[in-house]
Structure formats: structure tokens, C-alpha cells
Amino acid sequence: MSENVNIEKPLMLEMIDAVVRERMKEVPTSQCIPQRAYCEQFHVKPDSIRQRLSKGIWSLGQEVVEVDGAGRFIDLEAVDKWVRKSSINYL
């Protein structure tokens, strides 16, 4: 006979959060992700990236890295620096 375990919702969420955090430690991290993944995750169209490159806003080897046989990768650290440099300072 199985008994229902009554766990309070906040406790359950805390337990789930702990499991997710532990599993995330196992996921490899990288500063560069494939352009396709960047576009999907950040809702950016590939054409926007091409325009940033053609206008000199981004550059190959900086925000965008071209890898022979693997395509283009976006350097998240370089993009973060670009965002911070391009932001408006409201002091």
C-alpha cells in the first residue's frame, strides 16, 4: 500500500531547485556558443548578426568567431562587453 507524502509546496520547490543546481554543475560551460543556439536563446535573427558585422558594430574574431567546418560561434563574453560599452549611462 502506498502512502501519499504531503510535502509543503515551498519545501518541494526548494528540493527541486537544489537538484537542478547540482545537475547544472555537471553541464559544461563555454564562452562561445553556436550562432544558431545564440539566435534561438536570445531571439536574434541571423540577419541581425550579419548586419552588425557588415556595419562594423561587431567584428569577426571578437564577438563572432568563425570555425572551419563548424560555422560561426558567438563569444558571449565579448557580446557582454559590447552591451556594457554601448549602454546609456544614467548618472
PDB file of N, CA and C in Angstrom:
ATOM      1  N   MET A   1       0.833  -1.167   0.000  1.00  0.00           N
ATOM      2  CA  MET A   1       0.000   0.000   0.000  1.00  0.00           C
ATOM      3  C   MET A   1       0.887   1.243   0.000  1.00  0.00           C
ATOM      4  N   SER A   2       0.648   2.136  -0.927  1.00  0.00           N
ATOM      5  CA  SER A   2       1.461   3.343  -0.998  1.00  0.00           C
ATOM      6  C   SER A   2       0.774   4.475  -0.258  1.00  0.00           C
ATOM      7  N   GLU A   3       1.579   5.213   0.463  1.00  0.00           N
ATOM      8  CA  GLU A   3       1.054   6.352   1.201  1.00  0.00           C
ATOM      9  C   GLU A   3       1.419   7.624   0.455  1.00  0.00           C
ATOM     10  N   ASN A   4       0.512   8.562   0.444  1.00  0.00           N
ATOM     11  CA  ASN A   4       0.812   9.860  -0.149  1.00  0.00           C
ATOM     12  C   ASN A   4       1.644  10.671   0.828  1.00  0.00           C
ATOM     13  N   VAL A   5       2.707  11.208   0.348  1.00  0.00           N
ATOM     14  CA  VAL A   5       3.553  12.047   1.181  1.00  0.00           C
ATOM     15  C   VAL A   5       3.127  13.484   0.948  1.00  0.00           C
ATOM     16  N   ASN A   6       2.807  14.168   2.011  1.00  0.00           N
ATOM     17  CA  ASN A   6       2.372  15.549   1.912  1.00  0.00           C
ATOM     18  C   ASN A   6       3.566  16.454   2.192  1.00  0.00           C
ATOM     19  N   ILE A   7       4.126  17.017   1.161  1.00  0.00           N
ATOM     20  CA  ILE A   7       5.263  17.919   1.296  1.00  0.00           C
ATOM     21  C   ILE A   7       4.768  19.317   0.971  1.00  0.00           C
ATOM     22  N   GLU A   8       5.102  20.247   1.819  1.00  0.00           N
ATOM     23  CA  GLU A   8       4.700  21.630   1.579  1.00  0.00           C
ATOM     24  C   GLU A   8       5.296  22.119   0.261  1.00  0.00           C
ATOM     25  N   LYS A   9       4.547  22.932  -0.452  1.00  0.00           N
ATOM     26  CA  LYS A   9       4.978  23.410  -1.769  1.00  0.00           C
ATOM     27  C   LYS A   9       6.323  24.146  -1.723  1.00  0.00           C
ATOM     28  N   PRO A  10       6.547  25.082  -0.771  1.00  0.00           N
ATOM     29  CA  PRO A  10       7.861  25.757  -0.743  1.00  0.00           C
ATOM     30  C   PRO A  10       9.017  24.778  -0.537  1.00  0.00           C
ATOM     31  N   LEU A  11       8.806  23.770   0.294  1.00  0.00           N
ATOM     32  CA  LEU A  11       9.851  22.775   0.519  1.00  0.00           C
ATOM     33  C   LEU A  11      10.122  21.989  -0.759  1.00  0.00           C
ATOM     34  N   MET A  12       9.063  21.617  -1.471  1.00  0.00           N
ATOM     35  CA  MET A  12       9.210  20.882  -2.726  1.00  0.00           C
ATOM     36  C   MET A  12       9.984  21.716  -3.740  1.00  0.00           C
ATOM     37  N   LEU A  13       9.635  22.993  -3.849  1.00  0.00           N
ATOM     38  CA  LEU A  13      10.341  23.869  -4.792  1.00  0.00           C
ATOM     39  C   LEU A  13      11.812  24.012  -4.410  1.00  0.00           C
ATOM     40  N   GLU A  14      12.093  24.086  -3.131  1.00  0.00           N
ATOM     41  CA  GLU A  14      13.474  24.174  -2.660  1.00  0.00           C
ATOM     42  C   GLU A  14      14.252  22.904  -3.013  1.00  0.00           C
ATOM     43  N   MET A  15      13.603  21.756  -2.865  1.00  0.00           N
ATOM     44  CA  MET A  15      14.243  20.487  -3.206  1.00  0.00           C
ATOM     45  C   MET A  15      14.517  20.399  -4.706  1.00  0.00           C
ATOM     46  N   ILE A  16      13.549  20.813  -5.506  1.00  0.00           N
ATOM     47  CA  ILE A  16      13.727  20.799  -6.963  1.00  0.00           C
ATOM     48  C   ILE A  16      14.855  21.742  -7.351  1.00  0.00           C
ATOM     49  N   ASP A  17      14.880  22.925  -6.757  1.00  0.00           N
ATOM     50  CA  ASP A  17      15.929  23.900  -7.034  1.00  0.00           C
ATOM     51  C   ASP A  17      17.307  23.332  -6.708  1.00  0.00           C
ATOM     52  N   ALA A  18      17.424  22.625  -5.585  1.00  0.00           N
ATOM     53  CA  ALA A  18      18.701  22.035  -5.186  1.00  0.00           C
ATOM     54  C   ALA A  18      19.153  20.983  -6.193  1.00  0.00           C
ATOM     55  N   VAL A  19      18.228  20.170  -6.672  1.00  0.00           N
ATOM     56  CA  VAL A  19      18.564  19.135  -7.659  1.00  0.00           C
ATOM     57  C   VAL A  19      19.017  19.790  -8.964  1.00  0.00           C
ATOM     58  N   VAL A  20      18.296  20.810  -9.414  1.00  0.00           N
ATOM     59  CA  VAL A  20      18.655  21.494 -10.660  1.00  0.00           C
ATOM     60  C   VAL A  20      20.030  22.137 -10.531  1.00  0.00           C
ATOM     61  N   ARG A  21      20.281  22.819  -9.416  1.00  0.00           N
ATOM     62  CA  ARG A  21      21.595  23.455  -9.216  1.00  0.00           C
ATOM     63  C   ARG A  21      22.732  22.422  -9.230  1.00  0.00           C
ATOM     64  N   GLU A  22      22.495  21.278  -8.616  1.00  0.00           N
ATOM     65  CA  GLU A  22      23.512  20.225  -8.589  1.00  0.00           C
ATOM     66  C   GLU A  22      23.771  19.687  -9.984  1.00  0.00           C
ATOM     67  N   ARG A  23      22.714  19.472 -10.753  1.00  0.00           N
ATOM     68  CA  ARG A  23      22.867  18.968 -12.125  1.00  0.00           C
ATOM     69  C   ARG A  23      23.547  19.992 -13.020  1.00  0.00           C
ATOM     70  N   MET A  24      23.297  21.291 -12.788  1.00  0.00           N
ATOM     71  CA  MET A  24      23.905  22.338 -13.607  1.00  0.00           C
ATOM     72  C   MET A  24      25.417  22.365 -13.439  1.00  0.00           C
ATOM     73  N   LYS A  25      25.910  21.900 -12.302  1.00  0.00           N
ATOM     74  CA  LYS A  25      27.356  21.842 -12.093  1.00  0.00           C
ATOM     75  C   LYS A  25      28.012  20.878 -13.069  1.00  0.00           C
ATOM     76  N   GLU A  26      27.243  19.902 -13.558  1.00  0.00           N
ATOM     77  CA  GLU A  26      27.760  18.893 -14.470  1.00  0.00           C
ATOM     78  C   GLU A  26      27.754  19.368 -15.921  1.00  0.00           C
ATOM     79  N   VAL A  27      27.018  20.438 -16.219  1.00  0.00           N
ATOM     80  CA  VAL A  27      26.899  20.926 -17.589  1.00  0.00           C
ATOM     81  C   VAL A  27      28.131  21.760 -17.924  1.00  0.00           C
ATOM     82  N   PRO A  28      28.824  21.410 -18.995  1.00  0.00           N
ATOM     83  CA  PRO A  28      29.995  22.211 -19.352  1.00  0.00           C
ATOM     84  C   PRO A  28      29.566  23.606 -19.795  1.00  0.00           C
ATOM     85  N   THR A  29      30.359  24.586 -19.434  1.00  0.00           N
ATOM     86  CA  THR A  29      30.054  25.957 -19.832  1.00  0.00           C
ATOM     87  C   THR A  29      31.101  26.430 -20.830  1.00  0.00           C
ATOM     88  N   SER A  30      30.705  27.312 -21.670  1.00  0.00           N
ATOM     89  CA  SER A  30      31.616  27.855 -22.669  1.00  0.00           C
ATOM     90  C   SER A  30      31.281  29.314 -22.891  1.00  0.00           C
ATOM     91  N   GLN A  31      32.275  30.088 -23.213  1.00  0.00           N
ATOM     92  CA  GLN A  31      32.039  31.493 -23.529  1.00  0.00           C
ATOM     93  C   GLN A  31      31.524  31.650 -24.951  1.00  0.00           C
ATOM     94  N   CYS A  32      31.703  30.621 -25.778  1.00  0.00           N
ATOM     95  CA  CYS A  32      31.251  30.673 -27.172  1.00  0.00           C
ATOM     96  C   CYS A  32      30.171  29.625 -27.402  1.00  0.00           C
ATOM     97  N   ILE A  33      29.094  30.046 -28.060  1.00  0.00           N
ATOM     98  CA  ILE A  33      28.038  29.107 -28.413  1.00  0.00           C
ATOM     99  C   ILE A  33      27.763  29.240 -29.903  1.00  0.00           C
ATOM    100  N   PRO A  34      27.268  28.183 -30.546  1.00  0.00           N
ATOM    101  CA  PRO A  34      26.962  28.255 -31.965  1.00  0.00           C
ATOM    102  C   PRO A  34      25.973  29.392 -32.252  1.00  0.00           C
ATOM    103  N   GLN A  35      26.133  30.028 -33.398  1.00  0.00           N
ATOM    104  CA  GLN A  35      25.262  31.150 -33.765  1.00  0.00           C
ATOM    105  C   GLN A  35      23.797  30.743 -33.708  1.00  0.00           C
ATOM    106  N   ARG A  36      23.491  29.547 -34.179  1.00  0.00           N
ATOM    107  CA  ARG A  36      22.100  29.068 -34.179  1.00  0.00           C
ATOM    108  C   ARG A  36      21.542  29.055 -32.757  1.00  0.00           C
ATOM    109  N   ALA A  37      22.324  28.542 -31.810  1.00  0.00           N
ATOM    110  CA  ALA A  37      21.884  28.479 -30.410  1.00  0.00           C
ATOM    111  C   ALA A  37      21.728  29.881 -29.832  1.00  0.00           C
ATOM    112  N   TYR A  38      22.645  30.778 -30.181  1.00  0.00           N
ATOM    113  CA  TYR A  38      22.557  32.171 -29.718  1.00  0.00           C
ATOM    114  C   TYR A  38      21.268  32.811 -30.222  1.00  0.00           C
ATOM    115  N   CYS A  39      20.976  32.608 -31.507  1.00  0.00           N
ATOM    116  CA  CYS A  39      19.771  33.190 -32.099  1.00  0.00           C
ATOM    117  C   CYS A  39      18.510  32.657 -31.434  1.00  0.00           C
ATOM    118  N   GLU A  40      18.482  31.364 -31.168  1.00  0.00           N
ATOM    119  CA  GLU A  40      17.314  30.761 -30.517  1.00  0.00           C
ATOM    120  C   GLU A  40      17.162  31.253 -29.084  1.00  0.00           C
ATOM    121  N   GLN A  41      18.247  31.271 -28.349  1.00  0.00           N
ATOM    122  CA  GLN A  41      18.188  31.614 -26.932  1.00  0.00           C
ATOM    123  C   GLN A  41      17.880  33.090 -26.702  1.00  0.00           C
ATOM    124  N   PHE A  42      18.427  33.962 -27.553  1.00  0.00           N
ATOM    125  CA  PHE A  42      18.280  35.395 -27.334  1.00  0.00           C
ATOM    126  C   PHE A  42      17.329  36.058 -28.328  1.00  0.00           C
ATOM    127  N   HIS A  43      16.633  35.245 -29.118  1.00  0.00           N
ATOM    128  CA  HIS A  43      15.632  35.732 -30.080  1.00  0.00           C
ATOM    129  C   HIS A  43      16.220  36.790 -31.023  1.00  0.00           C
ATOM    130  N   VAL A  44      17.372  36.454 -31.588  1.00  0.00           N
ATOM    131  CA  VAL A  44      18.063  37.317 -32.544  1.00  0.00           C
ATOM    132  C   VAL A  44      18.047  36.622 -33.893  1.00  0.00           C
ATOM    133  N   LYS A  45      17.769  37.372 -34.941  1.00  0.00           N
ATOM    134  CA  LYS A  45      17.765  36.786 -36.283  1.00  0.00           C
ATOM    135  C   LYS A  45      19.197  36.756 -36.823  1.00  0.00           C
ATOM    136  N   PRO A  46      19.545  35.706 -37.567  1.00  0.00           N
ATOM    137  CA  PRO A  46      20.887  35.640 -38.158  1.00  0.00           C
ATOM    138  C   PRO A  46      21.215  36.875 -39.002  1.00  0.00           C
ATOM    139  N   ASP A  47      20.192  37.458 -39.641  1.00  0.00           N
ATOM    140  CA  ASP A  47      20.410  38.664 -40.441  1.00  0.00           C
ATOM    141  C   ASP A  47      20.880  39.835 -39.574  1.00  0.00           C
ATOM    142  N   SER A  48      20.411  39.895 -38.331  1.00  0.00           N
ATOM    143  CA  SER A  48      20.854  40.954 -37.416  1.00  0.00           C
ATOM    144  C   SER A  48      22.356  40.826 -37.145  1.00  0.00           C
ATOM    145  N   ILE A  49      22.818  39.598 -37.013  1.00  0.00           N
ATOM    146  CA  ILE A  49      24.250  39.381 -36.784  1.00  0.00           C
ATOM    147  C   ILE A  49      25.040  39.789 -38.025  1.00  0.00           C
ATOM    148  N   ARG A  50      24.533  39.399 -39.211  1.00  0.00           N
ATOM    149  CA  ARG A  50      25.209  39.802 -40.455  1.00  0.00           C
ATOM    150  C   ARG A  50      25.283  41.322 -40.577  1.00  0.00           C
ATOM    151  N   GLN A  51      24.209  42.009 -40.209  1.00  0.00           N
ATOM    152  CA  GLN A  51      24.194  43.473 -40.282  1.00  0.00           C
ATOM    153  C   GLN A  51      25.189  44.084 -39.303  1.00  0.00           C
ATOM    154  N   ARG A  52      25.253  43.552 -38.097  1.00  0.00           N
ATOM    155  CA  ARG A  52      26.216  44.073 -37.119  1.00  0.00           C
ATOM    156  C   ARG A  52      27.645  43.903 -37.628  1.00  0.00           C
ATOM    157  N   LEU A  53      27.905  42.772 -38.292  1.00  0.00           N
ATOM    158  CA  LEU A  53      29.241  42.549 -38.861  1.00  0.00           C
ATOM    159  C   LEU A  53      29.506  43.498 -40.028  1.00  0.00           C
ATOM    160  N   SER A  54      28.545  43.635 -40.931  1.00  0.00           N
ATOM    161  CA  SER A  54      28.763  44.469 -42.120  1.00  0.00           C
ATOM    162  C   SER A  54      28.886  45.951 -41.773  1.00  0.00           C
ATOM    163  N   LYS A  55      28.230  46.386 -40.709  1.00  0.00           N
ATOM    164  CA  LYS A  55      28.300  47.793 -40.288  1.00  0.00           C
ATOM    165  C   LYS A  55      29.484  48.057 -39.366  1.00  0.00           C
ATOM    166  N   GLY A  56      30.218  47.025 -39.016  1.00  0.00           N
ATOM    167  CA  GLY A  56      31.375  47.190 -38.144  1.00  0.00           C
ATOM    168  C   GLY A  56      31.026  47.320 -36.670  1.00  0.00           C
ATOM    169  N   ILE A  57      29.778  47.029 -36.331  1.00  0.00           N
ATOM    170  CA  ILE A  57      29.362  47.080 -34.928  1.00  0.00           C
ATOM    171  C   ILE A  57      29.994  45.915 -34.173  1.00  0.00           C
ATOM    172  N   TRP A  58      29.974  44.735 -34.783  1.00  0.00           N
ATOM    173  CA  TRP A  58      30.672  43.553 -34.292  1.00  0.00           C
ATOM    174  C   TRP A  58      31.764  43.213 -35.284  1.00  0.00           C
ATOM    175  N   SER A  59      32.733  42.420 -34.858  1.00  0.00           N
ATOM    176  CA  SER A  59      33.785  42.015 -35.790  1.00  0.00           C
ATOM    177  C   SER A  59      34.080  40.522 -35.642  1.00  0.00           C
ATOM    178  N   LEU A  60      34.529  39.936 -36.775  1.00  0.00           N
ATOM    179  CA  LEU A  60      34.958  38.535 -36.757  1.00  0.00           C
ATOM    180  C   LEU A  60      36.200  38.441 -35.888  1.00  0.00           C
ATOM    181  N   GLY A  61      36.240  37.437 -35.069  1.00  0.00           N
ATOM    182  CA  GLY A  61      37.367  37.268 -34.164  1.00  0.00           C
ATOM    183  C   GLY A  61      37.133  37.936 -32.822  1.00  0.00           C
ATOM    184  N   GLN A  62      36.103  38.747 -32.743  1.00  0.00           N
ATOM    185  CA  GLN A  62      35.774  39.406 -31.482  1.00  0.00           C
ATOM    186  C   GLN A  62      34.445  38.850 -30.965  1.00  0.00           C
ATOM    187  N   GLU A  63      33.327  39.413 -31.406  1.00  0.00           N
ATOM    188  CA  GLU A  63      32.017  38.910 -30.986  1.00  0.00           C
ATOM    189  C   GLU A  63      31.617  37.645 -31.742  1.00  0.00           C
ATOM    190  N   VAL A  64      32.072  37.529 -32.985  1.00  0.00           N
ATOM    191  CA  VAL A  64      31.749  36.372 -33.826  1.00  0.00           C
ATOM    192  C   VAL A  64      33.049  35.653 -34.180  1.00  0.00           C
ATOM    193  N   VAL A  65      33.063  34.353 -33.943  1.00  0.00           N
ATOM    194  CA  VAL A  65      34.253  33.545 -34.220  1.00  0.00           C
ATOM    195  C   VAL A  65      33.882  32.522 -35.290  1.00  0.00           C
ATOM    196  N   GLU A  66      34.635  32.509 -36.375  1.00  0.00           N
ATOM    197  CA  GLU A  66      34.401  31.576 -37.485  1.00  0.00           C
ATOM    198  C   GLU A  66      35.302  30.358 -37.292  1.00  0.00           C
ATOM    199  N   VAL A  67      34.690  29.171 -37.265  1.00  0.00           N
ATOM    200  CA  VAL A  67      35.446  27.938 -37.076  1.00  0.00           C
ATOM    201  C   VAL A  67      35.289  27.077 -38.323  1.00  0.00           C
ATOM    202  N   ASP A  68      36.414  26.730 -38.959  1.00  0.00           N
ATOM    203  CA  ASP A  68      36.360  25.904 -40.170  1.00  0.00           C
ATOM    204  C   ASP A  68      35.601  24.610 -39.911  1.00  0.00           C
ATOM    205  N   GLY A  69      34.629  24.342 -40.737  1.00  0.00           N
ATOM    206  CA  GLY A  69      33.860  23.114 -40.647  1.00  0.00           C
ATOM    207  C   GLY A  69      32.777  23.106 -39.583  1.00  0.00           C
ATOM    208  N   ALA A  70      32.738  24.130 -38.733  1.00  0.00           N
ATOM    209  CA  ALA A  70      31.742  24.156 -37.659  1.00  0.00           C
ATOM    210  C   ALA A  70      30.840  25.383 -37.723  1.00  0.00           C
ATOM    211  N   GLY A  71      31.212  26.356 -38.528  1.00  0.00           N
ATOM    212  CA  GLY A  71      30.382  27.555 -38.664  1.00  0.00           C
ATOM    213  C   GLY A  71      30.768  28.662 -37.707  1.00  0.00           C
ATOM    214  N   ARG A  72      29.807  29.533 -37.484  1.00  0.00           N
ATOM    215  CA  ARG A  72      30.050  30.704 -36.642  1.00  0.00           C
ATOM    216  C   ARG A  72      29.607  30.460 -35.202  1.00  0.00           C
ATOM    217  N   PHE A  73      30.402  31.006 -34.302  1.00  0.00           N
ATOM    218  CA  PHE A  73      30.106  30.959 -32.884  1.00  0.00           C
ATOM    219  C   PHE A  73      30.053  32.389 -32.357  1.00  0.00           C
ATOM    220  N   ILE A  74      29.238  32.611 -31.350  1.00  0.00           N
ATOM    221  CA  ILE A  74      29.129  33.922 -30.730  1.00  0.00           C
ATOM    222  C   ILE A  74      29.846  33.874 -29.389  1.00  0.00           C
ATOM    223  N   ASP A  75      30.756  34.819 -29.191  1.00  0.00           N
ATOM    224  CA  ASP A  75      31.505  34.910 -27.940  1.00  0.00           C
ATOM    225  C   ASP A  75      30.677  35.727 -26.952  1.00  0.00           C
ATOM    226  N   LEU A  76      30.097  35.055 -25.973  1.00  0.00           N
ATOM    227  CA  LEU A  76      29.194  35.714 -25.030  1.00  0.00           C
ATOM    228  C   LEU A  76      29.894  36.758 -24.173  1.00  0.00           C
ATOM    229  N   GLU A  77      31.142  36.517 -23.846  1.00  0.00           N
ATOM    230  CA  GLU A  77      31.891  37.488 -23.048  1.00  0.00           C
ATOM    231  C   GLU A  77      32.117  38.772 -23.846  1.00  0.00           C
ATOM    232  N   ALA A  78      32.462  38.635 -25.122  1.00  0.00           N
ATOM    233  CA  ALA A  78      32.664  39.810 -25.970  1.00  0.00           C
ATOM    234  C   ALA A  78      31.350  40.557 -26.193  1.00  0.00           C
ATOM    235  N   VAL A  79      30.263  39.819 -26.355  1.00  0.00           N
ATOM    236  CA  VAL A  79      28.954  40.458 -26.531  1.00  0.00           C
ATOM    237  C   VAL A  79      28.570  41.202 -25.255  1.00  0.00           C
ATOM    238  N   ASP A  80      28.843  40.611 -24.099  1.00  0.00           N
ATOM    239  CA  ASP A  80      28.552  41.282 -22.836  1.00  0.00           C
ATOM    240  C   ASP A  80      29.329  42.593 -22.728  1.00  0.00           C
ATOM    241  N   LYS A  81      30.597  42.576 -23.103  1.00  0.00           N
ATOM    242  CA  LYS A  81      31.404  43.807 -23.077  1.00  0.00           C
ATOM    243  C   LYS A  81      30.826  44.843 -24.035  1.00  0.00           C
ATOM    244  N   TRP A  82      30.388  44.401 -25.231  1.00  0.00           N
ATOM    245  CA  TRP A  82      29.779  45.303 -26.212  1.00  0.00           C
ATOM    246  C   TRP A  82      28.506  45.935 -25.653  1.00  0.00           C
ATOM    247  N   VAL A  83      27.672  45.128 -24.994  1.00  0.00           N
ATOM    248  CA  VAL A  83      26.424  45.640 -24.418  1.00  0.00           C
ATOM    249  C   VAL A  83      26.732  46.699 -23.372  1.00  0.00           C
ATOM    250  N   ARG A  84      27.688  46.397 -22.502  1.00  0.00           N
ATOM    251  CA  ARG A  84      28.025  47.358 -21.444  1.00  0.00           C
ATOM    252  C   ARG A  84      28.635  48.634 -22.017  1.00  0.00           C
ATOM    253  N   LYS A  85      29.459  48.495 -23.047  1.00  0.00           N
ATOM    254  CA  LYS A  85      30.076  49.657 -23.678  1.00  0.00           C
ATOM    255  C   LYS A  85      29.035  50.499 -24.416  1.00  0.00           C
ATOM    256  N   SER A  86      28.023  49.847 -24.981  1.00  0.00           N
ATOM    257  CA  SER A  86      27.013  50.530 -25.779  1.00  0.00           C
ATOM    258  C   SER A  86      25.858  51.062 -24.949  1.00  0.00           C
ATOM    259  N   SER A  87      25.791  50.677 -23.680  1.00  0.00           N
ATOM    260  CA  SER A  87      24.644  51.088 -22.863  1.00  0.00           C
ATOM    261  C   SER A  87      24.721  52.569 -22.541  1.00  0.00           C
ATOM    262  N   ILE A  88      23.558  53.107 -22.241  1.00  0.00           N
ATOM    263  CA  ILE A  88      23.464  54.521 -21.863  1.00  0.00           C
ATOM    264  C   ILE A  88      23.624  54.606 -20.363  1.00  0.00           C
ATOM    265  N   ASN A  89      24.507  55.479 -19.935  1.00  0.00           N
ATOM    266  CA  ASN A  89      24.772  55.641 -18.519  1.00  0.00           C
ATOM    267  C   ASN A  89      23.865  56.754 -17.982  1.00  0.00           C
ATOM    268  N   TYR A  90      23.009  56.398 -17.033  1.00  0.00           N
ATOM    269  CA  TYR A  90      22.054  57.356 -16.475  1.00  0.00           C
ATOM    270  C   TYR A  90      22.500  57.854 -15.105  1.00  0.00           C
ATOM    271  N   LEU A  91      23.626  58.495 -15.026  1.00  0.00           N
ATOM    272  CA  LEU A  91      24.082  59.035 -13.733  1.00  0.00           C
ATOM    273  C   LEU A  91      23.638  60.455 -13.563  1.00  0.00           C
TER     274      LEU A  91
END
